[in-house]
């Protein structure tokens, strides 16, 4: 990662800091009164190194102040580990509930088979975050991601074309709603539908095609056994925790490495003179 500062604006205070140090030096100069009435060469000879000692102590103090400013600016070169790194990635199930899902080419019909597959998927993801969106001509959030996946299965059993306000197939709206729901946590999307068009998203999208065939080569065809659900569980478990459209990376504070040096420099002005 590129080295940078978390708070670079702190360096705007450098001129003020140097000015304060210069004023402090003038106020604490032990030879200040003599400088006005004594020849500089004579004063330097009589000081026997005291003036030089004072100068180096002052420089040490300035260095400590500047180092403290450097630490406050937040030097960093690596991002903080994600707080979700060890958590399973949430999955949003997008269940289509248009009239086309009542087609009976699959017994008893596509809608019932889709509901059963969502129940199976929720059982297989027990304890891992799962949410549900129902869509037709409009998209609606039924449940945000929850670890109580049995609730997702129960809610899916009650979804059908008869409860949707508008007929249609607005999958794009459902994907946008899923992205908004997963904005803070990231995750992936599982579309359960009889049509699986090629649509893009910032999040991984998986398709369970509730039909006898599909033109989408990336879709998983519905199966009579559990092989389709097992395949989808494997794919969604591999989804990374990545926040859609998120560029607010948090960086590790590394300024604390400067604290020991800062402590040594801060002690220099208080070192006792040798007898």
Protein backbone atom coordinates (compact mmCIF):
# COMPACT_ATOMS: atom_id res chain seq x y z
CA UNK A 1 0.00 0.00 0.00
CA UNK A 2 1.12 3.60 -0.66
CA UNK A 3 2.52 5.49 2.33
CA UNK A 4 0.41 8.56 3.15
CA UNK A 5 -1.03 10.58 6.03
CA UNK A 6 -4.58 10.19 7.31
CA UNK A 7 -4.76 13.87 8.35
CA UNK A 8 -2.31 15.76 6.09
CA UNK A 9 -4.01 19.09 6.91
CA UNK A 10 -2.25 18.96 10.30
CA UNK A 11 0.97 20.09 8.58
CA UNK A 12 -0.61 23.51 8.04
CA UNK A 13 0.25 24.13 11.69
CA UNK A 14 4.03 23.82 11.09
CA UNK A 15 4.65 27.59 10.57
CA UNK A 16 2.67 28.39 13.72
CA UNK A 17 4.61 25.78 15.66
CA UNK A 18 7.97 27.17 14.50
CA UNK A 19 6.86 30.71 15.42
CA UNK A 20 5.80 29.60 18.90
CA UNK A 21 9.15 27.84 19.35
CA UNK A 22 11.05 30.98 18.33
CA UNK A 23 9.03 33.10 20.79
CA UNK A 24 9.63 30.51 23.51
CA UNK A 25 13.37 30.58 22.77
CA UNK A 26 13.48 34.35 23.12
CA UNK A 27 11.50 34.33 26.36
CA UNK A 28 13.74 31.65 27.93
CA UNK A 29 17.13 32.89 26.73
CA UNK A 30 19.28 33.26 29.91
CA UNK A 31 21.64 35.64 28.10
CA UNK A 32 18.93 37.81 26.67
CA UNK A 33 19.74 40.82 28.86
CA UNK A 34 23.50 40.57 28.25
CA UNK A 35 23.11 40.45 24.47
CA UNK A 36 21.95 44.09 24.45
CA UNK A 37 24.97 45.42 26.35
CA UNK A 38 27.90 43.09 25.59
CA UNK A 39 29.98 42.39 22.52
CA UNK A 40 28.73 39.14 20.88
CA UNK A 41 32.27 37.67 20.57
CA UNK A 42 33.01 38.40 24.22
CA UNK A 43 29.66 37.00 25.34
CA UNK A 44 30.26 33.81 23.39
CA UNK A 45 33.70 33.39 24.98
CA UNK A 46 32.37 33.93 28.49
CA UNK A 47 29.40 31.60 28.02
CA UNK A 48 31.80 28.59 27.85
CA UNK A 49 29.50 26.48 25.74
CA UNK A 50 26.34 27.35 27.67
CA UNK A 51 24.84 29.21 24.73
CA UNK A 52 25.48 26.24 22.44
CA UNK A 53 23.94 23.87 24.96
CA UNK A 54 20.84 26.03 25.13
CA UNK A 55 20.63 26.06 21.34
CA UNK A 56 20.80 22.28 21.03
CA UNK A 57 18.22 21.85 23.77
CA UNK A 58 15.93 24.23 21.95
CA UNK A 59 16.41 22.33 18.70
CA UNK A 60 15.61 19.08 20.52
CA UNK A 61 12.38 20.60 21.80
CA UNK A 62 11.43 21.82 18.32
CA UNK A 63 12.15 18.38 16.92
CA UNK A 64 9.87 16.86 19.59
CA UNK A 65 7.07 19.25 18.68
CA UNK A 66 7.42 18.50 14.96
CA UNK A 67 7.54 14.77 15.64
CA UNK A 68 4.34 15.06 17.70
CA UNK A 69 2.74 16.85 14.75
CA UNK A 70 3.91 14.04 12.48
CA UNK A 71 2.27 11.45 14.75
CA UNK A 72 -0.99 13.42 14.89
CA UNK A 73 -1.03 13.60 11.06
CA UNK A 74 -1.47 9.81 11.10
CA UNK A 75 1.27 8.19 9.01
CA UNK A 76 -0.03 4.94 7.54
CA UNK A 77 0.61 2.43 4.80
CA UNK A 78 -1.91 -0.36 5.39
CA UNK A 79 -5.73 -0.52 5.75
CA UNK A 80 -7.42 -1.73 8.91
CA UNK A 81 -8.70 -5.32 8.80
CA UNK A 82 -12.38 -5.44 7.93
CA UNK A 83 -14.60 -6.02 11.00
CA UNK A 84 -16.62 -8.38 8.79
CA UNK A 85 -13.63 -10.39 7.55
CA UNK A 86 -14.45 -13.47 9.63
CA UNK A 87 -18.24 -13.24 9.17
CA UNK A 88 -20.15 -15.13 6.48
CA UNK A 89 -21.18 -12.91 3.59
CA UNK A 90 -24.90 -12.01 3.59
CA UNK A 91 -27.04 -13.18 0.67
CA UNK A 92 -30.13 -11.39 -0.61
CA UNK A 93 -32.64 -13.71 -2.31
CA UNK A 94 -34.61 -11.99 -5.09
CA UNK A 95 -37.77 -14.02 -5.64
CA UNK A 96 -39.77 -13.27 -8.77
CA UNK A 97 -43.56 -13.29 -8.22
CA UNK A 98 -45.04 -12.35 -11.58
CA UNK A 99 -47.93 -14.18 -13.30
CA UNK A 100 -45.43 -16.07 -15.47
CA UNK A 101 -44.38 -17.93 -12.33
CA UNK A 102 -47.78 -19.66 -12.28
CA UNK A 103 -46.85 -21.58 -15.44
CA UNK A 104 -47.29 -25.31 -14.86
CA UNK A 105 -44.44 -26.70 -16.95
CA UNK A 106 -42.96 -27.67 -13.56
CA UNK A 107 -45.28 -29.47 -11.15
CA UNK A 108 -47.25 -28.06 -9.46
CA UNK A 109 -46.08 -24.72 -10.98
CA UNK A 110 -42.96 -22.53 -11.19
CA UNK A 111 -43.96 -20.37 -8.22
CA UNK A 112 -44.39 -23.28 -5.84
CA UNK A 113 -41.14 -24.88 -6.95
CA UNK A 114 -39.34 -21.55 -6.49
CA UNK A 115 -40.76 -21.15 -2.97
CA UNK A 116 -39.62 -24.67 -2.04
CA UNK A 117 -36.12 -23.97 -3.32
CA UNK A 118 -35.92 -20.78 -1.24
CA UNK A 119 -36.97 -22.81 1.81
CA UNK A 120 -34.25 -25.38 1.03
CA UNK A 121 -31.66 -22.64 0.53
CA UNK A 122 -32.57 -20.95 3.82
CA UNK A 123 -32.30 -24.30 5.65
CA UNK A 124 -28.87 -24.91 4.12
CA UNK A 125 -27.70 -21.43 5.23
CA UNK A 126 -28.83 -21.86 8.81
CA UNK A 127 -27.19 -19.26 11.04
CA UNK A 128 -25.69 -17.29 8.14
CA UNK A 129 -27.22 -13.92 7.13
CA UNK A 130 -29.99 -14.21 4.56
CA UNK A 131 -32.48 -11.63 3.30
CA UNK A 132 -35.46 -11.67 0.95
CA UNK A 133 -36.83 -9.35 -1.74
CA UNK A 134 -40.01 -10.04 -3.73
CA UNK A 135 -40.38 -8.47 -7.16
CA UNK A 136 -42.60 -8.33 -10.20
CA UNK A 137 -43.39 -4.93 -11.75
CA UNK A 138 -42.05 -3.42 -8.50
CA UNK A 139 -39.50 -4.60 -5.93
CA UNK A 140 -40.15 -4.88 -2.18
CA UNK A 141 -37.88 -5.69 0.77
CA UNK A 142 -39.47 -8.54 2.71
CA UNK A 143 -36.64 -9.15 5.16
CA UNK A 144 -33.16 -7.62 5.57
CA UNK A 145 -30.33 -10.13 6.17
CA UNK A 146 -31.00 -12.16 9.31
CA UNK A 147 -29.30 -15.17 10.89
CA UNK A 148 -32.73 -16.65 11.64
CA UNK A 149 -32.98 -18.08 8.14
CA UNK A 150 -36.09 -20.11 8.96
CA UNK A 151 -38.05 -16.83 8.95
CA UNK A 152 -36.91 -16.22 5.37
CA UNK A 153 -38.27 -19.62 4.33
CA UNK A 154 -41.57 -18.95 6.10
CA UNK A 155 -41.97 -15.55 4.42
CA UNK A 156 -41.12 -17.00 1.00
CA UNK A 157 -43.93 -19.54 1.33
CA UNK A 158 -46.44 -16.66 1.41
CA UNK A 159 -45.17 -14.80 -1.65
CA UNK A 160 -47.03 -15.07 -4.96
CA UNK A 161 -48.31 -12.99 -7.90
CA UNK A 162 -51.60 -12.34 -6.10
CA UNK A 163 -49.94 -10.15 -3.44
CA UNK A 164 -47.78 -8.06 -5.81
CA UNK A 165 -49.12 -4.56 -6.56
CA UNK A 166 -47.96 -4.52 -10.21
CA UNK A 167 -47.27 -7.34 -12.69
CA UNK A 168 -44.02 -7.31 -14.61
CA UNK A 169 -40.37 -8.30 -14.44
CA UNK A 170 -38.39 -5.35 -13.03
CA UNK A 171 -35.33 -7.31 -11.92
CA UNK A 172 -33.18 -4.19 -12.24
CA UNK A 173 -35.21 -2.49 -9.49
CA UNK A 174 -34.83 -5.56 -7.28
CA UNK A 175 -31.05 -5.55 -7.77
CA UNK A 176 -30.85 -1.85 -6.88
CA UNK A 177 -32.84 -2.53 -3.71
CA UNK A 178 -30.53 -5.43 -2.82
CA UNK A 179 -27.44 -3.26 -3.36
CA UNK A 180 -28.87 -0.57 -1.11
CA UNK A 181 -29.71 -3.14 1.58
CA UNK A 182 -26.19 -4.62 1.45
CA UNK A 183 -24.38 -1.28 1.16
CA UNK A 184 -22.93 -1.42 4.68
CA UNK A 185 -22.04 -5.11 4.78
CA UNK A 186 -21.53 -6.29 1.22
CA UNK A 187 -22.45 -9.82 0.19
CA UNK A 188 -24.07 -11.40 -2.87
CA UNK A 189 -27.41 -11.73 -4.65
CA UNK A 190 -29.37 -14.86 -5.56
CA UNK A 191 -32.11 -14.39 -8.17
CA UNK A 192 -34.80 -17.08 -8.20
CA UNK A 193 -36.84 -16.55 -11.37
CA UNK A 194 -38.07 -18.10 -14.60
CA UNK A 195 -36.20 -15.49 -16.66
CA UNK A 196 -32.56 -14.71 -16.01
CA UNK A 197 -31.35 -11.78 -18.14
CA UNK A 198 -27.75 -10.61 -18.12
CA UNK A 199 -27.68 -7.74 -15.60
CA UNK A 200 -24.67 -6.18 -13.93
CA UNK A 201 -24.09 -5.21 -10.30
CA UNK A 202 -21.30 -4.17 -7.95
CA UNK A 203 -22.12 -7.36 -6.04
CA UNK A 204 -21.86 -10.98 -7.27
CA UNK A 205 -25.16 -12.21 -8.76
CA UNK A 206 -26.17 -15.88 -8.91
CA UNK A 207 -29.24 -17.23 -10.73
CA UNK A 208 -31.50 -20.19 -10.02
CA UNK A 209 -33.49 -20.68 -13.21
CA UNK A 210 -37.00 -21.92 -12.38
CA UNK A 211 -37.67 -23.16 -15.93
CA UNK A 212 -36.79 -26.10 -18.09
CA UNK A 213 -34.06 -24.20 -19.90
CA UNK A 214 -32.31 -20.83 -19.95
CA UNK A 215 -30.04 -18.88 -22.28
CA UNK A 216 -27.99 -17.57 -19.37
CA UNK A 217 -25.00 -19.93 -19.19
CA UNK A 218 -24.11 -18.74 -15.70
CA UNK A 219 -27.49 -19.72 -14.26
CA UNK A 220 -28.06 -22.85 -12.22
CA UNK A 221 -31.02 -24.84 -13.56
CA UNK A 222 -33.57 -26.01 -11.03
CA UNK A 223 -33.08 -29.69 -10.16
CA UNK A 224 -35.35 -32.38 -8.78
CA UNK A 225 -32.81 -33.10 -6.04
CA UNK A 226 -30.67 -30.80 -3.87
CA UNK A 227 -27.74 -30.53 -6.27
CA UNK A 228 -28.78 -27.03 -7.38
CA UNK A 229 -28.97 -25.76 -3.80
CA UNK A 230 -25.63 -27.34 -2.91
CA UNK A 231 -24.00 -25.64 -5.89
CA UNK A 232 -25.47 -22.25 -4.94
CA UNK A 233 -24.42 -22.62 -1.30
CA UNK A 234 -20.86 -23.28 -2.44
CA UNK A 235 -20.85 -20.27 -4.77
CA UNK A 236 -22.36 -17.81 -2.30
CA UNK A 237 -20.04 -18.91 0.49
CA UNK A 238 -17.12 -17.87 -1.68
CA UNK A 239 -18.47 -14.32 -2.01
CA UNK A 240 -16.17 -11.72 -0.54
CA UNK A 241 -17.31 -9.19 2.04
CA UNK A 242 -17.16 -6.12 -0.16
CA UNK A 243 -19.32 -3.04 0.25
CA UNK A 244 -21.00 -2.00 -2.99
CA UNK A 245 -19.77 1.42 -4.10
CA UNK A 246 -17.82 1.92 -0.87
CA UNK A 247 -14.51 3.78 -1.06
CA UNK A 248 -14.25 4.77 2.62
CA UNK A 249 -11.32 2.52 3.51
CA UNK A 250 -10.14 2.89 7.11
CA UNK A 251 -6.37 3.02 7.55
CA UNK A 252 -4.27 1.77 10.47
CA UNK A 253 -2.82 4.51 12.68
CA UNK A 254 0.99 4.07 12.81
CA UNK A 255 1.96 7.31 14.55
CA UNK A 256 2.35 5.50 17.88
CA UNK A 257 5.71 4.14 16.64
CA UNK A 258 7.07 7.68 17.06
CA UNK A 259 6.12 7.93 20.75
CA UNK A 260 9.40 6.49 22.20
CA UNK A 261 11.50 8.91 20.10
CA UNK A 262 9.17 11.72 21.09
CA UNK A 263 9.66 10.90 24.77
CA UNK A 264 13.46 10.98 24.47
CA UNK A 265 13.44 14.33 22.66
CA UNK A 266 11.01 15.82 25.17
CA UNK A 267 13.38 14.96 28.04
CA UNK A 268 16.41 16.69 26.52
CA UNK A 269 15.56 20.23 27.77
CA UNK A 270 15.40 18.86 31.33
CA UNK A 271 18.83 17.14 31.32
CA UNK A 272 20.92 18.32 34.25
CA UNK A 273 24.19 20.13 33.54
CA UNK A 274 27.35 18.32 34.64
CA UNK A 275 29.05 19.87 37.63
